C-alpha atoms as a PDB file:
ATOM      1  CA  UNK A   1      -9.947  26.675  39.329  1.00  0.00           C
ATOM      2  CA  UNK A   2     -10.326  26.717  35.541  1.00  0.00           C
ATOM      3  CA  UNK A   3     -10.187  29.984  33.666  1.00  0.00           C
ATOM      4  CA  UNK A   4     -12.994  30.622  31.229  1.00  0.00           C
ATOM      5  CA  UNK A   5     -11.898  30.732  27.581  1.00  0.00           C
ATOM      6  CA  UNK A   6     -13.015  34.351  27.222  1.00  0.00           C
ATOM      7  CA  UNK A   7     -10.477  35.558  29.823  1.00  0.00           C
ATOM      8  CA  UNK A   8      -7.448  33.603  28.614  1.00  0.00           C
ATOM      9  CA  UNK A   9      -4.770  35.755  26.984  1.00  0.00           C
ATOM     10  CA  UNK A  10      -3.857  34.804  23.426  1.00  0.00           C
ATOM     11  CA  UNK A  11      -0.929  32.415  23.186  1.00  0.00           C
ATOM     12  CA  UNK A  12       1.714  33.387  20.673  1.00  0.00           C
ATOM     13  CA  UNK A  13       1.888  30.612  18.025  1.00  0.00           C
ATOM     14  CA  UNK A  14       5.700  30.612  17.994  1.00  0.00           C
ATOM     15  CA  UNK A  15       5.817  30.310  21.786  1.00  0.00           C
ATOM     16  CA  UNK A  16       3.422  27.379  21.572  1.00  0.00           C
ATOM     17  CA  UNK A  17       5.527  25.769  18.841  1.00  0.00           C
ATOM     18  CA  UNK A  18       8.779  26.259  20.758  1.00  0.00           C
ATOM     19  CA  UNK A  19       7.290  24.924  23.995  1.00  0.00           C
ATOM     20  CA  UNK A  20       5.773  21.842  22.366  1.00  0.00           C
ATOM     21  CA  UNK A  21       9.065  21.332  20.516  1.00  0.00           C
ATOM     22  CA  UNK A  22      10.665  20.587  23.882  1.00  0.00           C
ATOM     23  CA  UNK A  23       8.524  17.459  24.097  1.00  0.00           C
ATOM     24  CA  UNK A  24      10.443  14.613  22.445  1.00  0.00           C
ATOM     25  CA  UNK A  25       8.526  12.712  19.782  1.00  0.00           C
ATOM     26  CA  UNK A  26       9.132  10.161  17.116  1.00  0.00           C
ATOM     27  CA  UNK A  27       8.819  10.966  13.422  1.00  0.00           C
ATOM     28  CA  UNK A  28       6.426   9.178  11.085  1.00  0.00           C
ATOM     29  CA  UNK A  29       5.148   9.383   7.545  1.00  0.00           C
ATOM     30  CA  UNK A  30       1.411   8.900   7.051  1.00  0.00           C
ATOM     31  CA  UNK A  31       0.681   7.257   3.694  1.00  0.00           C
ATOM     32  CA  UNK A  32      -2.487   6.427   1.815  1.00  0.00           C
ATOM     33  CA  UNK A  33      -3.800   6.187  -1.710  1.00  0.00           C
ATOM     34  CA  UNK A  34      -6.914   7.648  -3.259  1.00  0.00           C
ATOM     35  CA  UNK A  35      -8.036   6.869  -6.796  1.00  0.00           C
ATOM     36  CA  UNK A  36      -4.800   4.946  -7.341  1.00  0.00           C
ATOM     37  CA  UNK A  37      -2.586   7.923  -6.434  1.00  0.00           C
ATOM     38  CA  UNK A  38      -0.257   7.565  -3.423  1.00  0.00           C
ATOM     39  CA  UNK A  39      -0.083  10.390  -0.872  1.00  0.00           C
ATOM     40  CA  UNK A  40       2.108  10.958   2.170  1.00  0.00           C
ATOM     41  CA  UNK A  41       3.166  13.526   4.750  1.00  0.00           C
ATOM     42  CA  UNK A  42       5.594  13.714   7.647  1.00  0.00           C
ATOM     43  CA  UNK A  43       4.009  13.931  11.108  1.00  0.00           C
ATOM     44  CA  UNK A  44       5.134  13.917  14.707  1.00  0.00           C
ATOM     45  CA  UNK A  45       1.742  14.499  16.333  1.00  0.00           C
ATOM     46  CA  UNK A  46       0.941  10.839  16.896  1.00  0.00           C
ATOM     47  CA  UNK A  47      -0.115   8.841  19.932  1.00  0.00           C
ATOM     48  CA  UNK A  48      -1.542   5.516  20.983  1.00  0.00           C
ATOM     49  CA  UNK A  49      -5.107   5.902  22.274  1.00  0.00           C
ATOM     50  CA  UNK A  50      -6.223   2.380  23.218  1.00  0.00           C
ATOM     51  CA  UNK A  51      -4.868  -1.159  23.246  1.00  0.00           C
ATOM     52  CA  UNK A  52      -8.295  -2.845  23.153  1.00  0.00           C
ATOM     53  CA  UNK A  53      -9.412  -2.043  20.576  1.00  0.00           C
ATOM     54  CA  UNK A  54      -6.093  -0.895  19.113  1.00  0.00           C
ATOM     55  CA  UNK A  55      -6.526   2.810  18.316  1.00  0.00           C
ATOM     56  CA  UNK A  56      -4.133   5.615  17.475  1.00  0.00           C
ATOM     57  CA  UNK A  57      -4.518   9.324  16.880  1.00  0.00           C
ATOM     58  CA  UNK A  58      -2.659  11.416  14.329  1.00  0.00           C
ATOM     59  CA  UNK A  59      -2.960  15.114  13.503  1.00  0.00           C
ATOM     60  CA  UNK A  60      -2.831  16.080   9.814  1.00  0.00           C
ATOM     61  CA  UNK A  61      -2.588  19.528   8.240  1.00  0.00           C
ATOM     62  CA  UNK A  62      -5.945  20.952   7.176  1.00  0.00           C
ATOM     63  CA  UNK A  63      -6.212  21.305   3.400  1.00  0.00           C
ATOM     64  CA  UNK A  64      -3.247  19.073   2.568  1.00  0.00           C
ATOM     65  CA  UNK A  65      -3.757  16.552  -0.237  1.00  0.00           C
ATOM     66  CA  UNK A  66      -2.716  13.710   2.040  1.00  0.00           C
ATOM     67  CA  UNK A  67      -5.270  14.756   4.653  1.00  0.00           C
ATOM     68  CA  UNK A  68      -8.027  14.830   2.052  1.00  0.00           C
ATOM     69  CA  UNK A  69      -6.911  11.433   0.708  1.00  0.00           C
ATOM     70  CA  UNK A  70      -6.893   9.872   4.202  1.00  0.00           C
ATOM     71  CA  UNK A  71     -10.374  11.124   5.054  1.00  0.00           C
ATOM     72  CA  UNK A  72     -11.852  10.229   1.651  1.00  0.00           C
ATOM     73  CA  UNK A  73     -10.278   6.759   1.360  1.00  0.00           C
ATOM     74  CA  UNK A  74     -10.910   5.851   4.981  1.00  0.00           C
ATOM     75  CA  UNK A  75      -7.557   4.109   5.374  1.00  0.00           C
ATOM     76  CA  UNK A  76      -3.917   4.968   5.979  1.00  0.00           C
ATOM     77  CA  UNK A  77      -0.593   3.688   7.265  1.00  0.00           C
ATOM     78  CA  UNK A  78       1.650   5.249   9.869  1.00  0.00           C
ATOM     79  CA  UNK A  79       5.276   4.532   8.957  1.00  0.00           C
ATOM     80  CA  UNK A  80       7.456   5.186  12.018  1.00  0.00           C
ATOM     81  CA  UNK A  81      10.833   6.189  10.639  1.00  0.00           C
ATOM     82  CA  UNK A  82      14.144   4.692  11.691  1.00  0.00           C
ATOM     83  CA  UNK A  83      17.115   6.751  12.849  1.00  0.00           C
ATOM     84  CA  UNK A  84      18.591   6.394   9.339  1.00  0.00           C
ATOM     85  CA  UNK A  85      15.576   7.910   7.567  1.00  0.00           C
ATOM     86  CA  UNK A  86      15.919  11.654   8.156  1.00  0.00           C
ATOM     87  CA  UNK A  87      15.932  12.054   4.370  1.00  0.00           C
ATOM     88  CA  UNK A  88      12.435  10.539   4.180  1.00  0.00           C
ATOM     89  CA  UNK A  89      11.157  12.834   6.920  1.00  0.00           C
ATOM     90  CA  UNK A  90      12.415  15.825   4.926  1.00  0.00           C
ATOM     91  CA  UNK A  91      11.146  14.447   1.623  1.00  0.00           C
ATOM     92  CA  UNK A  92       7.579  13.938   2.869  1.00  0.00           C
ATOM     93  CA  UNK A  93       7.587  17.306   4.679  1.00  0.00           C
ATOM     94  CA  UNK A  94       7.914  19.233   1.392  1.00  0.00           C
ATOM     95  CA  UNK A  95       4.615  20.493   0.035  1.00  0.00           C
ATOM     96  CA  UNK A  96       3.767  19.842  -3.573  1.00  0.00           C
ATOM     97  CA  UNK A  97       6.633  17.428  -4.184  1.00  0.00           C
ATOM     98  CA  UNK A  98       6.231  13.993  -5.747  1.00  0.00           C
ATOM     99  CA  UNK A  99       7.078  12.222  -2.516  1.00  0.00           C
ATOM    100  CA  UNK A 100       7.051   8.761  -4.046  1.00  0.00           C
ATOM    101  CA  UNK A 101       9.285   9.381  -7.106  1.00  0.00           C
ATOM    102  CA  UNK A 102      11.990   6.708  -7.146  1.00  0.00           C
ATOM    103  CA  UNK A 103      11.004   5.426  -3.709  1.00  0.00           C
ATOM    104  CA  UNK A 104      10.444   1.732  -3.088  1.00  0.00           C
ATOM    105  CA  UNK A 105       7.066   1.335  -1.447  1.00  0.00           C
ATOM    106  CA  UNK A 106       4.908  -1.747  -1.195  1.00  0.00           C
ATOM    107  CA  UNK A 107       1.210  -2.258  -0.735  1.00  0.00           C
ATOM    108  CA  UNK A 108       0.396  -3.281   2.789  1.00  0.00           C
ATOM    109  CA  UNK A 109      -1.997  -6.081   3.630  1.00  0.00           C
ATOM    110  CA  UNK A 110      -4.812  -3.529   3.809  1.00  0.00           C
ATOM    111  CA  UNK A 111      -4.097  -1.837   0.469  1.00  0.00           C
ATOM    112  CA  UNK A 112      -2.201   1.235   1.603  1.00  0.00           C
ATOM    113  CA  UNK A 113       1.350   2.109   0.576  1.00  0.00           C
ATOM    114  CA  UNK A 114       3.937   1.351   3.252  1.00  0.00           C
ATOM    115  CA  UNK A 115       7.626   2.179   3.469  1.00  0.00           C
ATOM    116  CA  UNK A 116       9.182  -1.301   3.649  1.00  0.00           C
ATOM    117  CA  UNK A 117      12.315  -0.390   5.635  1.00  0.00           C
ATOM    118  CA  UNK A 118      10.614   1.885   8.174  1.00  0.00           C
ATOM    119  CA  UNK A 119      11.228   1.156  11.868  1.00  0.00           C
ATOM    120  CA  UNK A 120       7.563   0.101  12.042  1.00  0.00           C
ATOM    121  CA  UNK A 121       4.313   0.586  10.205  1.00  0.00           C
ATOM    122  CA  UNK A 122       0.722   0.400  11.356  1.00  0.00           C
ATOM    123  CA  UNK A 123      -2.115   0.012   8.865  1.00  0.00           C
ATOM    124  CA  UNK A 124      -5.355   1.660   9.954  1.00  0.00           C
ATOM    125  CA  UNK A 125      -8.918   2.474   9.040  1.00  0.00           C
ATOM    126  CA  UNK A 126     -10.337   5.895   9.855  1.00  0.00           C
ATOM    127  CA  UNK A 127     -12.763   5.574  12.754  1.00  0.00           C
ATOM    128  CA  UNK A 128     -13.402   9.302  13.147  1.00  0.00           C
ATOM    129  CA  UNK A 129     -11.926  12.604  12.137  1.00  0.00           C
ATOM    130  CA  UNK A 130     -12.641  16.169  13.151  1.00  0.00           C
ATOM    131  CA  UNK A 131     -11.279  19.657  12.679  1.00  0.00           C
ATOM    132  CA  UNK A 132      -9.193  21.103  15.504  1.00  0.00           C
ATOM    133  CA  UNK A 133      -7.690  24.502  14.736  1.00  0.00           C
ATOM    134  CA  UNK A 134      -5.358  24.228  11.748  1.00  0.00           C
ATOM    135  CA  UNK A 135      -5.314  20.420  11.804  1.00  0.00           C
ATOM    136  CA  UNK A 136      -7.602  17.455  11.274  1.00  0.00           C
ATOM    137  CA  UNK A 137      -7.468  14.945  14.120  1.00  0.00           C
ATOM    138  CA  UNK A 138      -7.785  11.388  12.797  1.00  0.00           C
ATOM    139  CA  UNK A 139      -8.632   8.461  15.053  1.00  0.00           C
ATOM    140  CA  UNK A 140      -7.581   5.222  13.419  1.00  0.00           C
ATOM    141  CA  UNK A 141      -8.232   1.601  14.268  1.00  0.00           C
ATOM    142  CA  UNK A 142      -5.019  -0.373  13.835  1.00  0.00           C
ATOM    143  CA  UNK A 143      -5.543  -3.430  11.625  1.00  0.00           C
ATOM    144  CA  UNK A 144      -1.951  -4.602  11.233  1.00  0.00           C
ATOM    145  CA  UNK A 145       1.448  -3.841  12.761  1.00  0.00           C
ATOM    146  CA  UNK A 146       4.903  -4.609  11.409  1.00  0.00           C
ATOM    147  CA  UNK A 147       7.968  -3.749  13.481  1.00  0.00           C
ATOM    148  CA  UNK A 148      11.674  -4.120  12.778  1.00  0.00           C
ATOM    149  CA  UNK A 149      14.915  -4.038  14.711  1.00  0.00           C
ATOM    150  CA  UNK A 150      16.756  -0.763  14.861  1.00  0.00           C
ATOM    151  CA  UNK A 151      16.369   2.642  16.432  1.00  0.00           C
ATOM    152  CA  UNK A 152      13.546   5.138  15.841  1.00  0.00           C
ATOM    153  CA  UNK A 153      14.063   8.645  14.508  1.00  0.00           C
ATOM    154  CA  UNK A 154      13.417  11.247  17.189  1.00  0.00           C
ATOM    155  CA  UNK A 155      12.538  14.925  17.058  1.00  0.00           C
ATOM    156  CA  UNK A 156      13.334  17.389  19.836  1.00  0.00           C
ATOM    157  CA  UNK A 157      13.904  21.133  19.908  1.00  0.00           C
ATOM    158  CA  UNK A 158      13.221  21.567  16.205  1.00  0.00           C
ATOM    159  CA  UNK A 159      15.789  19.013  15.068  1.00  0.00           C
ATOM    160  CA  UNK A 160      16.190  15.299  14.593  1.00  0.00           C
ATOM    161  CA  UNK A 161      17.410  13.623  17.730  1.00  0.00           C
ATOM    162  CA  UNK A 162      18.518  10.343  19.277  1.00  0.00           C
ATOM    163  CA  UNK A 163      15.740   9.393  21.689  1.00  0.00           C
ATOM    164  CA  UNK A 164      17.075   5.968  22.600  1.00  0.00           C
ATOM    165  CA  UNK A 165      18.934   6.736  25.834  1.00  0.00           C
ATOM    166  CA  UNK A 166      19.788   3.363  27.324  1.00  0.00           C
ATOM    167  CA  UNK A 167      20.762   4.394  30.877  1.00  0.00           C
ATOM    168  CA  UNK A 168      17.432   3.689  32.561  1.00  0.00           C
ATOM    169  CA  UNK A 169      15.341   0.658  33.394  1.00  0.00           C
ATOM    170  CA  UNK A 170      12.114   0.221  31.386  1.00  0.00           C
ATOM    171  CA  UNK A 171       9.143   1.908  33.018  1.00  0.00           C
ATOM    172  CA  UNK A 172       6.225  -0.390  33.792  1.00  0.00           C
ATOM    173  CA  UNK A 173       3.874   2.208  35.293  1.00  0.00           C
ATOM    174  CA  UNK A 174       0.908   1.456  33.079  1.00  0.00           C
ATOM    175  CA  UNK A 175       0.918  -2.339  33.048  1.00  0.00           C
END
């Protein structure tokens, strides 16, 4: 039986953060440009939504310049970082920094900046976006995908992690 929202005790934000931090994720940098200025931010709240049509969902910080640039331009790229790109995750996580200074980026096929040596990048258009607490949820239609060999950068327990355990057979439960 569901509990009505009015009777639910408040959840401590740090408890929520710590608990969700136990869920292993990848690490990505969302990039876009607005008025010729590139923008980017590190994210780990990212998921595939649909294969047909190809849709993904990413959560961006409310009020961040990158968030505003994504929603105003209507396009963005998700650059999934490789295991060797912790420095880029940290670089794009810093607020107010010139994230692109001295960094080699290229324009993707759909006119958004992409990190050329990322593990993968997906170029998207914004299908919808809406406010959810302290984030903006962005639903993007994937227009192009580029993937490379290597290992992805993982995040678990508040630190970068190797999420490429090779001891198990691939799971085919959804095909």
